[in-house]
C-alpha atoms as a PDB file:
ATOM      1  CA  GLN A   1     113.263  74.654 111.192  1.00  0.00           C
ATOM      2  CA  LEU A   2     111.018  74.593 114.719  1.00  0.00           C
ATOM      3  CA  VAL A   3     112.382  74.894 117.959  1.00  0.00           C
ATOM      4  CA  GLU A   4     110.147  74.501 120.992  1.00  0.00           C
ATOM      5  CA  SER A   5     111.407  76.428 124.552  1.00  0.00           C
ATOM      6  CA  GLY A   6     109.614  76.593 127.969  1.00  0.00           C
ATOM      7  CA  GLY A   7     108.075  73.514 128.858  1.00  0.00           C
ATOM      8  CA  GLY A   8     109.107  71.884 132.605  1.00  0.00           C
ATOM      9  CA  LEU A   9     107.265  71.408 135.484  1.00  0.00           C
ATOM     10  CA  VAL A  10     104.778  72.947 137.536  1.00  0.00           C
ATOM     11  CA  GLN A  11     102.385  71.686 140.400  1.00  0.00           C
ATOM     12  CA  ALA A  12      98.896  71.263 139.481  1.00  0.00           C
ATOM     13  CA  GLY A  13      96.711  74.493 138.829  1.00  0.00           C
ATOM     14  CA  GLY A  14      99.792  76.639 138.065  1.00  0.00           C
ATOM     15  CA  SER A  15     100.692  78.188 133.892  1.00  0.00           C
ATOM     16  CA  LEU A  16     103.408  77.572 131.860  1.00  0.00           C
ATOM     17  CA  SER A  17     104.100  79.196 128.430  1.00  0.00           C
ATOM     18  CA  LEU A  18     105.970  77.519 125.271  1.00  0.00           C
ATOM     19  CA  SER A  19     106.912  79.061 122.553  1.00  0.00           C
ATOM     20  CA  CYS A  20     108.224  77.628 118.783  1.00  0.00           C
ATOM     21  CA  THR A  21     109.977  79.641 116.588  1.00  0.00           C
ATOM     22  CA  ALA A  22     110.666  78.888 112.730  1.00  0.00           C
ATOM     23  CA  SER A  23     114.208  79.298 110.948  1.00  0.00           C
ATOM     24  CA  GLY A  24     115.508  79.235 107.311  1.00  0.00           C
ATOM     25  CA  SER A  25     114.341  80.168 104.255  1.00  0.00           C
ATOM     26  CA  ILE A  26     110.551  80.782 105.024  1.00  0.00           C
ATOM     27  CA  MET A  27     108.485  83.518 102.443  1.00  0.00           C
ATOM     28  CA  ARG A  28     105.256  82.941 105.058  1.00  0.00           C
ATOM     29  CA  ILE A  29     103.408  80.119 107.178  1.00  0.00           C
ATOM     30  CA  ASP A  30     100.431  79.443 106.967  1.00  0.00           C
ATOM     31  CA  VAL A  31      99.015  77.044 110.211  1.00  0.00           C
ATOM     32  CA  MET A  32     100.818  76.428 113.123  1.00  0.00           C
ATOM     33  CA  ASP A  33      99.589  74.074 115.308  1.00  0.00           C
ATOM     34  CA  TRP A  34     100.850  72.319 118.852  1.00  0.00           C
ATOM     35  CA  TYR A  35     100.127  68.691 119.565  1.00  0.00           C
ATOM     36  CA  ARG A  36     101.297  66.507 122.215  1.00  0.00           C
ATOM     37  CA  GLN A  37     101.547  63.014 123.581  1.00  0.00           C
ATOM     38  CA  ALA A  38     101.315  61.283 126.450  1.00  0.00           C
ATOM     39  CA  SER A  39     103.554  58.328 127.432  1.00  0.00           C
ATOM     40  CA  GLY A  40     101.564  55.347 125.234  1.00  0.00           C
ATOM     41  CA  LYS A  41      99.047  57.545 124.100  1.00  0.00           C
ATOM     42  CA  GLN A  42      98.652  58.963 120.398  1.00  0.00           C
ATOM     43  CA  ARG A  43     100.180  62.139 119.404  1.00  0.00           C
ATOM     44  CA  GLU A  44      96.569  64.810 119.675  1.00  0.00           C
ATOM     45  CA  LEU A  45      95.928  68.286 118.169  1.00  0.00           C
ATOM     46  CA  VAL A  46      95.794  70.684 121.377  1.00  0.00           C
ATOM     47  CA  ALA A  47      95.526  74.258 118.880  1.00  0.00           C
ATOM     48  CA  SER A  48      95.501  75.485 116.201  1.00  0.00           C
ATOM     49  CA  ILE A  49      95.896  79.074 114.172  1.00  0.00           C
ATOM     50  CA  THR A  50      95.676  80.649 110.850  1.00  0.00           C
ATOM     51  CA  ARG A  51      98.171  83.511 110.154  1.00  0.00           C
ATOM     52  CA  GLY A  52      95.189  85.791 110.158  1.00  0.00           C
ATOM     53  CA  GLY A  53      94.079  84.724 113.251  1.00  0.00           C
ATOM     54  CA  THR A  54      91.864  82.206 113.593  1.00  0.00           C
ATOM     55  CA  THR A  55      91.773  79.374 116.728  1.00  0.00           C
ATOM     56  CA  ASN A  56      91.141  76.365 117.194  1.00  0.00           C
ATOM     57  CA  TYR A  57      91.317  74.079 119.889  1.00  0.00           C
ATOM     58  CA  ALA A  58      90.955  70.610 121.171  1.00  0.00           C
ATOM     59  CA  ASP A  59      87.747  70.129 124.027  1.00  0.00           C
ATOM     60  CA  SER A  60      90.380  69.582 126.895  1.00  0.00           C
ATOM     61  CA  ALA A  61      92.387  72.843 126.264  1.00  0.00           C
ATOM     62  CA  LYS A  62      88.727  75.206 125.401  1.00  0.00           C
ATOM     63  CA  GLY A  63      89.249  78.026 128.684  1.00  0.00           C
ATOM     64  CA  ARG A  64      92.453  76.690 129.697  1.00  0.00           C
ATOM     65  CA  PHE A  65      95.002  77.202 126.909  1.00  0.00           C
ATOM     66  CA  THR A  66      95.594  80.202 124.822  1.00  0.00           C
ATOM     67  CA  ILE A  67      97.358  79.971 120.981  1.00  0.00           C
ATOM     68  CA  SER A  68      99.165  83.077 119.773  1.00  0.00           C
ATOM     69  CA  ARG A  69     101.390  83.499 116.500  1.00  0.00           C
ATOM     70  CA  TYR A  70     103.821  86.797 115.799  1.00  0.00           C
ATOM     71  CA  ASN A  71     104.112  86.281 112.028  1.00  0.00           C
ATOM     72  CA  ALA A  72     107.137  89.369 111.972  1.00  0.00           C
ATOM     73  CA  ASN A  73     109.978  86.598 113.886  1.00  0.00           C
ATOM     74  CA  ASN A  74     107.507  83.267 112.795  1.00  0.00           C
ATOM     75  CA  THR A  75     106.521  82.403 116.312  1.00  0.00           C
ATOM     76  CA  VAL A  76     103.765  80.409 118.672  1.00  0.00           C
ATOM     77  CA  TYR A  77     102.860  80.623 121.130  1.00  0.00           C
ATOM     78  CA  LEU A  78     101.490  77.970 123.566  1.00  0.00           C
ATOM     79  CA  GLN A  79     100.016  79.595 127.032  1.00  0.00           C
ATOM     80  CA  MET A  80      98.642  77.483 129.707  1.00  0.00           C
ATOM     81  CA  ASN A  81      97.102  78.013 132.524  1.00  0.00           C
ATOM     82  CA  SER A  82      94.937  75.663 134.889  1.00  0.00           C
ATOM     83  CA  LEU A  83      97.234  72.361 134.669  1.00  0.00           C
ATOM     84  CA  LYS A  84      96.127  69.392 135.251  1.00  0.00           C
ATOM     85  CA  ALA A  85      97.950  65.682 135.828  1.00  0.00           C
ATOM     86  CA  GLU A  86      96.173  64.696 132.753  1.00  0.00           C
ATOM     87  CA  ASP A  87      98.429  67.743 130.971  1.00  0.00           C
ATOM     88  CA  THR A  88     101.983  66.254 131.264  1.00  0.00           C
ATOM     89  CA  ALA A  89     103.129  65.646 127.886  1.00  0.00           C
ATOM     90  CA  VAL A  90     105.691  65.902 125.099  1.00  0.00           C
ATOM     91  CA  TYR A  91     104.405  68.905 123.343  1.00  0.00           C
ATOM     92  CA  TYR A  92     105.402  70.000 119.400  1.00  0.00           C
ATOM     93  CA  CYS A  93     104.769  72.582 117.083  1.00  0.00           C
ATOM     94  CA  LYS A  94     104.480  71.531 113.552  1.00  0.00           C
ATOM     95  CA  GLY A  95     104.046  74.624 110.829  1.00  0.00           C
ATOM     96  CA  SER A  96     103.096  74.783 107.565  1.00  0.00           C
ATOM     97  CA  ILE A  97     106.120  76.946 105.431  1.00  0.00           C
ATOM     98  CA  THR A  98     106.017  77.571 101.952  1.00  0.00           C
ATOM     99  CA  GLY A  99     110.086  78.914 100.748  1.00  0.00           C
ATOM    100  CA  TRP A 100     111.481  80.717  98.746  1.00  0.00           C
ATOM    101  CA  GLY A 101     111.587  78.706  96.167  1.00  0.00           C
ATOM    102  CA  TYR A 102     107.180  78.172  96.579  1.00  0.00           C
ATOM    103  CA  ASP A 103     107.931  75.109  97.909  1.00  0.00           C
ATOM    104  CA  ILE A 104     105.162  73.726 101.098  1.00  0.00           C
ATOM    105  CA  ASN A 105     106.521  72.044 103.610  1.00  0.00           C
ATOM    106  CA  VAL A 106     105.705  70.845 107.097  1.00  0.00           C
ATOM    107  CA  TYR A 107     107.897  71.081 110.017  1.00  0.00           C
ATOM    108  CA  TRP A 108     107.468  69.886 113.411  1.00  0.00           C
ATOM    109  CA  GLY A 109     109.488  70.341 116.097  1.00  0.00           C
ATOM    110  CA  GLN A 110     111.731  67.994 118.460  1.00  0.00           C
ATOM    111  CA  GLY A 111     109.385  68.264 121.072  1.00  0.00           C
ATOM    112  CA  THR A 112     109.501  70.377 124.926  1.00  0.00           C
ATOM    113  CA  GLN A 113     108.646  67.703 127.912  1.00  0.00           C
ATOM    114  CA  VAL A 114     105.430  69.767 129.891  1.00  0.00           C
ATOM    115  CA  THR A 115     105.720  67.315 133.951  1.00  0.00           C
ATOM    116  CA  VAL A 116     102.624  69.437 136.013  1.00  0.00           C
ATOM    117  CA  SER A 117     102.579  67.260 139.464  1.00  0.00           C
ATOM    118  CA  SER A 118      99.632  66.883 141.229  1.00  0.00           C
END
């Protein structure tokens, strides 16, 4: 139900923009998050955004990454600037989705690879 796009290879100092769109039987989506998992490391929260637009960032992302969302098309974005080699990871989006049956489930995307060359 969540599909990411926008990953790729970029040089250090460059920028990438990720997007994640939810589809299916969706009444509303509350918090949407971006996580990342580098090789050999645990998955970590990068940024989150509430339905109302309140954002939260990991210290490593502050000042460089911007999370945003467009509720009308169930999409969350992550603009990443001034990328560093240590940003290399698989990036995942996560969403808390309420279906039309008022069931609430957490969904993860399949992940998109971001590689920053130094």
